[in-house]
C-alpha atoms as a PDB file:
ATOM      1  CA  MET A   1     -16.877  15.979  13.958  1.00  0.00           C
ATOM      2  CA  THR A   2     -20.375  14.479  13.694  1.00  0.00           C
ATOM      3  CA  SER A   3     -21.751  13.326  10.370  1.00  0.00           C
ATOM      4  CA  PRO A   4     -25.328  14.206   9.279  1.00  0.00           C
ATOM      5  CA  GLY A   5     -26.405  10.720  10.314  1.00  0.00           C
ATOM      6  CA  GLY A   6     -25.212  11.313  13.861  1.00  0.00           C
ATOM      7  CA  SER A   7     -22.166   9.032  13.811  1.00  0.00           C
ATOM      8  CA  LEU A   8     -18.824  10.334  14.985  1.00  0.00           C
ATOM      9  CA  THR A   9     -16.005  10.667  12.468  1.00  0.00           C
ATOM     10  CA  VAL A  10     -12.551  10.932  13.989  1.00  0.00           C
ATOM     11  CA  ILE A  11     -10.055  12.771  11.811  1.00  0.00           C
ATOM     12  CA  THR A  12      -6.333  12.798  12.478  1.00  0.00           C
ATOM     13  CA  MET A  13      -3.972  14.755  10.281  1.00  0.00           C
ATOM     14  CA  THR A  14      -0.209  14.656  10.031  1.00  0.00           C
ATOM     15  CA  GLY A  15       1.354  16.869   7.394  1.00  0.00           C
ATOM     16  CA  HIS A  16      -0.812  16.415   4.326  1.00  0.00           C
ATOM     17  CA  VAL A  17      -2.253  13.030   5.397  1.00  0.00           C
ATOM     18  CA  ALA A  18      -5.704  12.751   6.959  1.00  0.00           C
ATOM     19  CA  ALA A  19      -7.288   9.539   8.263  1.00  0.00           C
ATOM     20  CA  THR A  20     -10.977   9.171   9.071  1.00  0.00           C
ATOM     21  CA  GLY A  21     -12.732   6.701  11.324  1.00  0.00           C
ATOM     22  CA  ASP A  22     -14.188   4.748   8.380  1.00  0.00           C
ATOM     23  CA  GLY A  23     -10.755   3.512   7.319  1.00  0.00           C
ATOM     24  CA  THR A  24     -10.193   6.125   4.610  1.00  0.00           C
ATOM     25  CA  ILE A  25      -6.847   7.917   4.273  1.00  0.00           C
ATOM     26  CA  ARG A  26      -6.579  11.127   2.254  1.00  0.00           C
ATOM     27  CA  THR A  27      -3.610  12.882   0.686  1.00  0.00           C
ATOM     28  CA  PRO A  28      -3.518  15.944  -1.591  1.00  0.00           C
ATOM     29  CA  ARG A  29      -4.090  13.823  -4.716  1.00  0.00           C
ATOM     30  CA  LEU A  30      -5.425  10.503  -3.458  1.00  0.00           C
ATOM     31  CA  VAL A  31      -8.151   8.844  -1.435  1.00  0.00           C
ATOM     32  CA  LEU A  32      -7.188   5.452  -0.027  1.00  0.00           C
ATOM     33  CA  ARG A  33     -10.443   3.716   0.804  1.00  0.00           C
ATOM     34  CA  PRO A  34     -11.682   0.237   1.700  1.00  0.00           C
ATOM     35  CA  TRP A  35     -12.277  -2.161  -1.191  1.00  0.00           C
ATOM     36  CA  GLY A  36     -15.680  -3.207  -2.482  1.00  0.00           C
ATOM     37  CA  VAL A  37     -16.590  -6.116  -4.766  1.00  0.00           C
ATOM     38  CA  ASP A  38     -17.878  -3.574  -7.292  1.00  0.00           C
ATOM     39  CA  ASP A  39     -14.261  -2.404  -7.705  1.00  0.00           C
ATOM     40  CA  ALA A  40     -13.453  -5.595  -9.624  1.00  0.00           C
ATOM     41  CA  PRO A  41     -13.796  -4.143 -13.163  1.00  0.00           C
ATOM     42  CA  ALA A  42     -11.461  -1.235 -12.363  1.00  0.00           C
ATOM     43  CA  ALA A  43      -9.022  -3.473 -10.445  1.00  0.00           C
ATOM     44  CA  LEU A  44      -8.630  -6.043 -13.226  1.00  0.00           C
ATOM     45  CA  PRO A  45      -6.407  -3.788 -15.425  1.00  0.00           C
ATOM     46  CA  VAL A  46      -4.026  -3.577 -12.438  1.00  0.00           C
ATOM     47  CA  PHE A  47      -3.924  -7.181 -11.253  1.00  0.00           C
ATOM     48  CA  GLY A  48      -4.438  -8.589 -14.747  1.00  0.00           C
ATOM     49  CA  ASP A  49      -1.336  -6.887 -16.126  1.00  0.00           C
ATOM     50  CA  GLU A  50       1.799  -9.016 -16.291  1.00  0.00           C
ATOM     51  CA  ALA A  51       3.968  -5.912 -15.842  1.00  0.00           C
ATOM     52  CA  VAL A  52       2.442  -5.559 -12.361  1.00  0.00           C
ATOM     53  CA  THR A  53       1.978  -9.128 -11.218  1.00  0.00           C
ATOM     54  CA  ARG A  54       5.396 -10.425 -12.323  1.00  0.00           C
ATOM     55  CA  TRP A  55       6.749  -8.878  -9.119  1.00  0.00           C
ATOM     56  CA  LEU A  56       3.972 -10.248  -6.853  1.00  0.00           C
ATOM     57  CA  SER A  57       4.481 -14.003  -7.302  1.00  0.00           C
ATOM     58  CA  PRO A  58       4.299 -16.192  -5.246  1.00  0.00           C
ATOM     59  CA  ALA A  59       2.165 -14.023  -2.961  1.00  0.00           C
ATOM     60  CA  MET A  60      -0.244 -13.341  -5.832  1.00  0.00           C
ATOM     61  CA  SER A  61      -0.520 -14.446  -9.454  1.00  0.00           C
ATOM     62  CA  ARG A  62      -1.892 -12.623 -12.477  1.00  0.00           C
ATOM     63  CA  ILE A  63      -5.695 -12.445 -12.418  1.00  0.00           C
ATOM     64  CA  ALA A  64      -7.211 -13.365 -15.763  1.00  0.00           C
ATOM     65  CA  THR A  65     -10.954 -12.771 -15.453  1.00  0.00           C
ATOM     66  CA  LEU A  66     -13.427 -10.382 -13.888  1.00  0.00           C
ATOM     67  CA  GLU A  67     -14.959 -13.240 -11.903  1.00  0.00           C
ATOM     68  CA  GLU A  68     -11.580 -14.161 -10.441  1.00  0.00           C
ATOM     69  CA  MET A  69     -10.916 -10.518  -9.521  1.00  0.00           C
ATOM     70  CA  ALA A  70     -14.256 -10.322  -7.718  1.00  0.00           C
ATOM     71  CA  GLU A  71     -13.414 -13.520  -5.824  1.00  0.00           C
ATOM     72  CA  VAL A  72     -10.053 -12.122  -4.724  1.00  0.00           C
ATOM     73  CA  ILE A  73     -11.640  -8.924  -3.413  1.00  0.00           C
ATOM     74  CA  THR A  74     -14.318 -10.961  -1.664  1.00  0.00           C
ATOM     75  CA  GLY A  75     -11.556 -12.937   0.039  1.00  0.00           C
ATOM     76  CA  TRP A  76      -9.847  -9.730   1.149  1.00  0.00           C
ATOM     77  CA  LEU A  77     -13.105  -8.500   2.669  1.00  0.00           C
ATOM     78  CA  ALA A  78     -13.843 -11.833   4.365  1.00  0.00           C
ATOM     79  CA  THR A  79     -10.472 -12.061   6.143  1.00  0.00           C
ATOM     80  CA  PRO A  80      -9.221  -8.548   6.906  1.00  0.00           C
ATOM     81  CA  PRO A  81      -5.853  -8.327   8.678  1.00  0.00           C
ATOM     82  CA  ALA A  82      -5.688  -7.022  12.230  1.00  0.00           C
ATOM     83  CA  PRO A  83      -5.124  -3.246  12.449  1.00  0.00           C
ATOM     84  CA  PRO A  84      -3.029  -1.317  11.724  1.00  0.00           C
ATOM     85  CA  ALA A  85      -2.634  -3.698   8.790  1.00  0.00           C
ATOM     86  CA  GLY A  86      -5.104  -3.339   5.964  1.00  0.00           C
ATOM     87  CA  ARG A  87      -5.797  -3.113   2.246  1.00  0.00           C
ATOM     88  CA  TRP A  88      -6.877   0.040   0.439  1.00  0.00           C
ATOM     89  CA  ALA A  89      -7.982   0.943  -3.061  1.00  0.00           C
ATOM     90  CA  ILE A  90      -5.978   3.924  -4.342  1.00  0.00           C
ATOM     91  CA  THR A  91      -8.362   6.365  -6.008  1.00  0.00           C
ATOM     92  CA  SER A  92      -8.021   9.830  -7.489  1.00  0.00           C
ATOM     93  CA  ALA A  93      -9.146  12.632  -5.168  1.00  0.00           C
ATOM     94  CA  ASP A  94     -10.340  14.541  -8.248  1.00  0.00           C
ATOM     95  CA  ASP A  95     -12.659  12.044  -9.912  1.00  0.00           C
ATOM     96  CA  GLY A  96     -12.669   8.850  -7.816  1.00  0.00           C
ATOM     97  CA  ARG A  97     -10.990   6.795 -10.547  1.00  0.00           C
ATOM     98  CA  LEU A  98      -9.304   3.649  -9.227  1.00  0.00           C
ATOM     99  CA  LEU A  99      -5.553   3.900  -9.785  1.00  0.00           C
ATOM    100  CA  GLY A 100      -4.276   0.857  -7.929  1.00  0.00           C
ATOM    101  CA  ALA A 101      -3.837  -0.762  -4.547  1.00  0.00           C
ATOM    102  CA  VAL A 102      -1.778  -0.342  -1.406  1.00  0.00           C
ATOM    103  CA  ALA A 103      -1.544  -2.736   1.518  1.00  0.00           C
ATOM    104  CA  LEU A 104       0.056  -3.017   4.915  1.00  0.00           C
ATOM    105  CA  LEU A 105       0.335  -6.715   5.732  1.00  0.00           C
ATOM    106  CA  PRO A 106       2.282  -9.023   8.063  1.00  0.00           C
ATOM    107  CA  LEU A 107       5.216 -10.676   6.308  1.00  0.00           C
ATOM    108  CA  PRO A 108       5.393 -14.470   6.322  1.00  0.00           C
ATOM    109  CA  PRO A 109       6.483 -16.746   7.832  1.00  0.00           C
ATOM    110  CA  GLU A 110       6.558 -15.240  11.325  1.00  0.00           C
ATOM    111  CA  ARG A 111       4.061 -12.433  10.574  1.00  0.00           C
ATOM    112  CA  THR A 112       5.644 -10.017  13.022  1.00  0.00           C
ATOM    113  CA  ASP A 113       7.110  -7.579  10.464  1.00  0.00           C
ATOM    114  CA  LEU A 114       4.731  -5.244   8.604  1.00  0.00           C
ATOM    115  CA  GLU A 115       5.221  -4.806   4.855  1.00  0.00           C
ATOM    116  CA  ILE A 116       4.021  -1.912   2.723  1.00  0.00           C
ATOM    117  CA  GLY A 117       3.138  -3.078  -0.782  1.00  0.00           C
ATOM    118  CA  TRP A 118       1.669  -1.177  -3.719  1.00  0.00           C
ATOM    119  CA  GLN A 119       0.393  -1.942  -7.197  1.00  0.00           C
ATOM    120  CA  LEU A 120      -0.561   0.694  -9.759  1.00  0.00           C
ATOM    121  CA  ASP A 121      -2.247   0.620 -13.141  1.00  0.00           C
ATOM    122  CA  PRO A 122       0.663   0.960 -15.613  1.00  0.00           C
ATOM    123  CA  ALA A 123      -1.299   3.769 -17.298  1.00  0.00           C
ATOM    124  CA  VAL A 124      -0.499   6.016 -14.313  1.00  0.00           C
ATOM    125  CA  TRP A 125       3.091   4.941 -13.643  1.00  0.00           C
ATOM    126  CA  GLY A 126       5.645   7.691 -13.217  1.00  0.00           C
ATOM    127  CA  GLN A 127       3.372  10.212 -11.473  1.00  0.00           C
ATOM    128  CA  GLY A 128       4.402   9.502  -7.881  1.00  0.00           C
ATOM    129  CA  TYR A 129       1.103   7.945  -6.810  1.00  0.00           C
ATOM    130  CA  ALA A 130       2.684   4.786  -5.345  1.00  0.00           C
ATOM    131  CA  ALA A 131       5.082   6.779  -3.164  1.00  0.00           C
ATOM    132  CA  GLU A 132       2.283   9.122  -2.054  1.00  0.00           C
ATOM    133  CA  ALA A 133       0.071   6.178  -1.095  1.00  0.00           C
ATOM    134  CA  GLY A 134       2.900   4.341   0.661  1.00  0.00           C
ATOM    135  CA  HIS A 135       3.849   7.486   2.581  1.00  0.00           C
ATOM    136  CA  ALA A 136       0.227   7.906   3.704  1.00  0.00           C
ATOM    137  CA  VAL A 137      -0.019   4.298   4.884  1.00  0.00           C
ATOM    138  CA  ALA A 138       3.260   4.729   6.782  1.00  0.00           C
ATOM    139  CA  HIS A 139       1.738   7.707   8.620  1.00  0.00           C
ATOM    140  CA  HIS A 140      -1.317   5.585   9.426  1.00  0.00           C
ATOM    141  CA  ALA A 141       0.824   2.727  10.726  1.00  0.00           C
ATOM    142  CA  PHE A 142       3.011   4.897  12.931  1.00  0.00           C
ATOM    143  CA  GLU A 143       0.036   6.834  14.301  1.00  0.00           C
ATOM    144  CA  SER A 144      -1.452   3.425  15.186  1.00  0.00           C
ATOM    145  CA  GLY A 145       1.600   2.323  17.162  1.00  0.00           C
ATOM    146  CA  ALA A 146       3.869   0.559  14.660  1.00  0.00           C
ATOM    147  CA  GLN A 147       7.579   1.212  15.200  1.00  0.00           C
ATOM    148  CA  GLU A 148       9.023   0.080  11.881  1.00  0.00           C
ATOM    149  CA  LEU A 149       7.853  -0.952   8.420  1.00  0.00           C
ATOM    150  CA  PHE A 150       9.429  -2.915   5.603  1.00  0.00           C
ATOM    151  CA  ALA A 151       9.226  -3.215   1.839  1.00  0.00           C
ATOM    152  CA  VAL A 152      10.643  -6.276   0.094  1.00  0.00           C
ATOM    153  CA  VAL A 153      11.616  -5.896  -3.543  1.00  0.00           C
ATOM    154  CA  ARG A 154      12.838  -8.330  -6.185  1.00  0.00           C
ATOM    155  CA  PRO A 155      16.459  -7.534  -7.160  1.00  0.00           C
ATOM    156  CA  ARG A 156      15.519  -6.479 -10.726  1.00  0.00           C
ATOM    157  CA  ASN A 157      12.474  -4.441  -9.724  1.00  0.00           C
ATOM    158  CA  GLU A 158      14.116  -1.030 -10.028  1.00  0.00           C
ATOM    159  CA  ARG A 159      10.779   0.810 -10.058  1.00  0.00           C
ATOM    160  CA  GLY A 160       9.785  -0.791  -6.747  1.00  0.00           C
ATOM    161  CA  ALA A 161      13.148   0.078  -5.204  1.00  0.00           C
ATOM    162  CA  ARG A 162      12.826   3.720  -6.301  1.00  0.00           C
ATOM    163  CA  THR A 163       9.359   3.923  -4.783  1.00  0.00           C
ATOM    164  CA  ALA A 164      10.594   2.523  -1.463  1.00  0.00           C
ATOM    165  CA  ARG A 165      13.350   5.130  -1.377  1.00  0.00           C
ATOM    166  CA  SER A 166      10.867   7.878  -2.305  1.00  0.00           C
ATOM    167  CA  ILE A 167       8.773   6.965   0.733  1.00  0.00           C
ATOM    168  CA  GLY A 168      11.904   7.477   2.836  1.00  0.00           C
ATOM    169  CA  MET A 169      12.815   3.827   3.316  1.00  0.00           C
ATOM    170  CA  GLU A 170      16.442   2.779   3.640  1.00  0.00           C
ATOM    171  CA  TRP A 171      17.990  -0.297   2.047  1.00  0.00           C
ATOM    172  CA  VAL A 172      19.170  -2.615   4.815  1.00  0.00           C
ATOM    173  CA  GLY A 173      20.333  -5.669   2.869  1.00  0.00           C
ATOM    174  CA  GLU A 174      19.132  -8.841   1.195  1.00  0.00           C
ATOM    175  CA  THR A 175      17.300 -11.791   2.713  1.00  0.00           C
ATOM    176  CA  GLU A 176      15.658 -15.100   1.878  1.00  0.00           C
ATOM    177  CA  LYS A 177      13.574 -14.961   5.055  1.00  0.00           C
ATOM    178  CA  TYR A 178      10.370 -13.928   3.285  1.00  0.00           C
ATOM    179  CA  TYR A 179       8.552 -15.941   0.588  1.00  0.00           C
ATOM    180  CA  ASP A 180      11.631 -18.210   0.136  1.00  0.00           C
ATOM    181  CA  LEU A 181      13.023 -15.696  -2.372  1.00  0.00           C
ATOM    182  CA  ARG A 182      16.121 -13.530  -2.427  1.00  0.00           C
ATOM    183  CA  LEU A 183      14.729 -10.056  -1.808  1.00  0.00           C
ATOM    184  CA  LEU A 184      16.028  -6.567  -1.204  1.00  0.00           C
ATOM    185  CA  VAL A 185      14.799  -5.249   2.135  1.00  0.00           C
ATOM    186  CA  TYR A 186      13.939  -1.603   2.768  1.00  0.00           C
ATOM    187  CA  ARG A 187      13.056  -0.339   6.242  1.00  0.00           C
ATOM    188  CA  LEU A 188      11.415   2.771   7.655  1.00  0.00           C
ATOM    189  CA  ARG A 189      11.415   3.499  11.387  1.00  0.00           C
ATOM    190  CA  LYS A 190       8.924   5.768  13.086  1.00  0.00           C
ATOM    191  CA  GLY A 191      11.433   8.534  13.812  1.00  0.00           C
ATOM    192  CA  GLU A 192      12.663   8.550  10.201  1.00  0.00           C
ATOM    193  CA  LEU A 193       9.393   9.456   8.453  1.00  0.00           C
ATOM    194  CA  ASP A 194       9.542  12.909   6.862  1.00  0.00           C
ATOM    195  CA  VAL A 195      13.098  13.509   8.090  1.00  0.00           C
ATOM    196  CA  PRO A 196      14.961  15.557   5.445  1.00  0.00           C
ATOM    197  CA  ARG A 197      17.826  13.684   3.815  1.00  0.00           C
ATOM    198  CA  LEU A 198      21.008  15.099   2.386  1.00  0.00           C
ATOM    199  CA  PRO A 199      21.197  15.092  -1.442  1.00  0.00           C
ATOM    200  CA  GLY A 200      22.492  11.761  -2.640  1.00  0.00           C
ATOM    201  CA  ALA A 201      21.919  10.069   0.721  1.00  0.00           C
END
């Protein structure tokens, strides 16, 4: 499809997930788009909330000011990860409101495993947005050649564990390999995405 300006936009669609050539991923309720520095005011309620950031340390600490939020986003834009990894702002498909963040990033220290991570404004918790965004990013990763993805969750982060399972990820054990912390590890392989599971499985 050619845009009015003459540039080519490549659209791939799998199920209810569509990805365009500009790095945007769409689902029925969400638009996952690249970040901009002007997103800082809307992002601060997410990354400035202790209920969100308590689970991100040491990878990321609570952000206290608008200036600091703008600096963080600027850093993301200055050093983007190599595809299929990336960072996206989660926005509402209805009104464009910023709801949170989702990322696909290499896990330290070896940076060979890809981690899906998500952070949502607590005001929109419980509506399935994190799972929908994570599912969309998993489609993007597998369409781009990834074979497996991981989520690492603190042992007491029950909400994070539920989201990982909602995406279709399977608990595979505990490890101290990443971030020097004891973490629960969830894994999703390419052939497992969207495979129906038996009730209670």
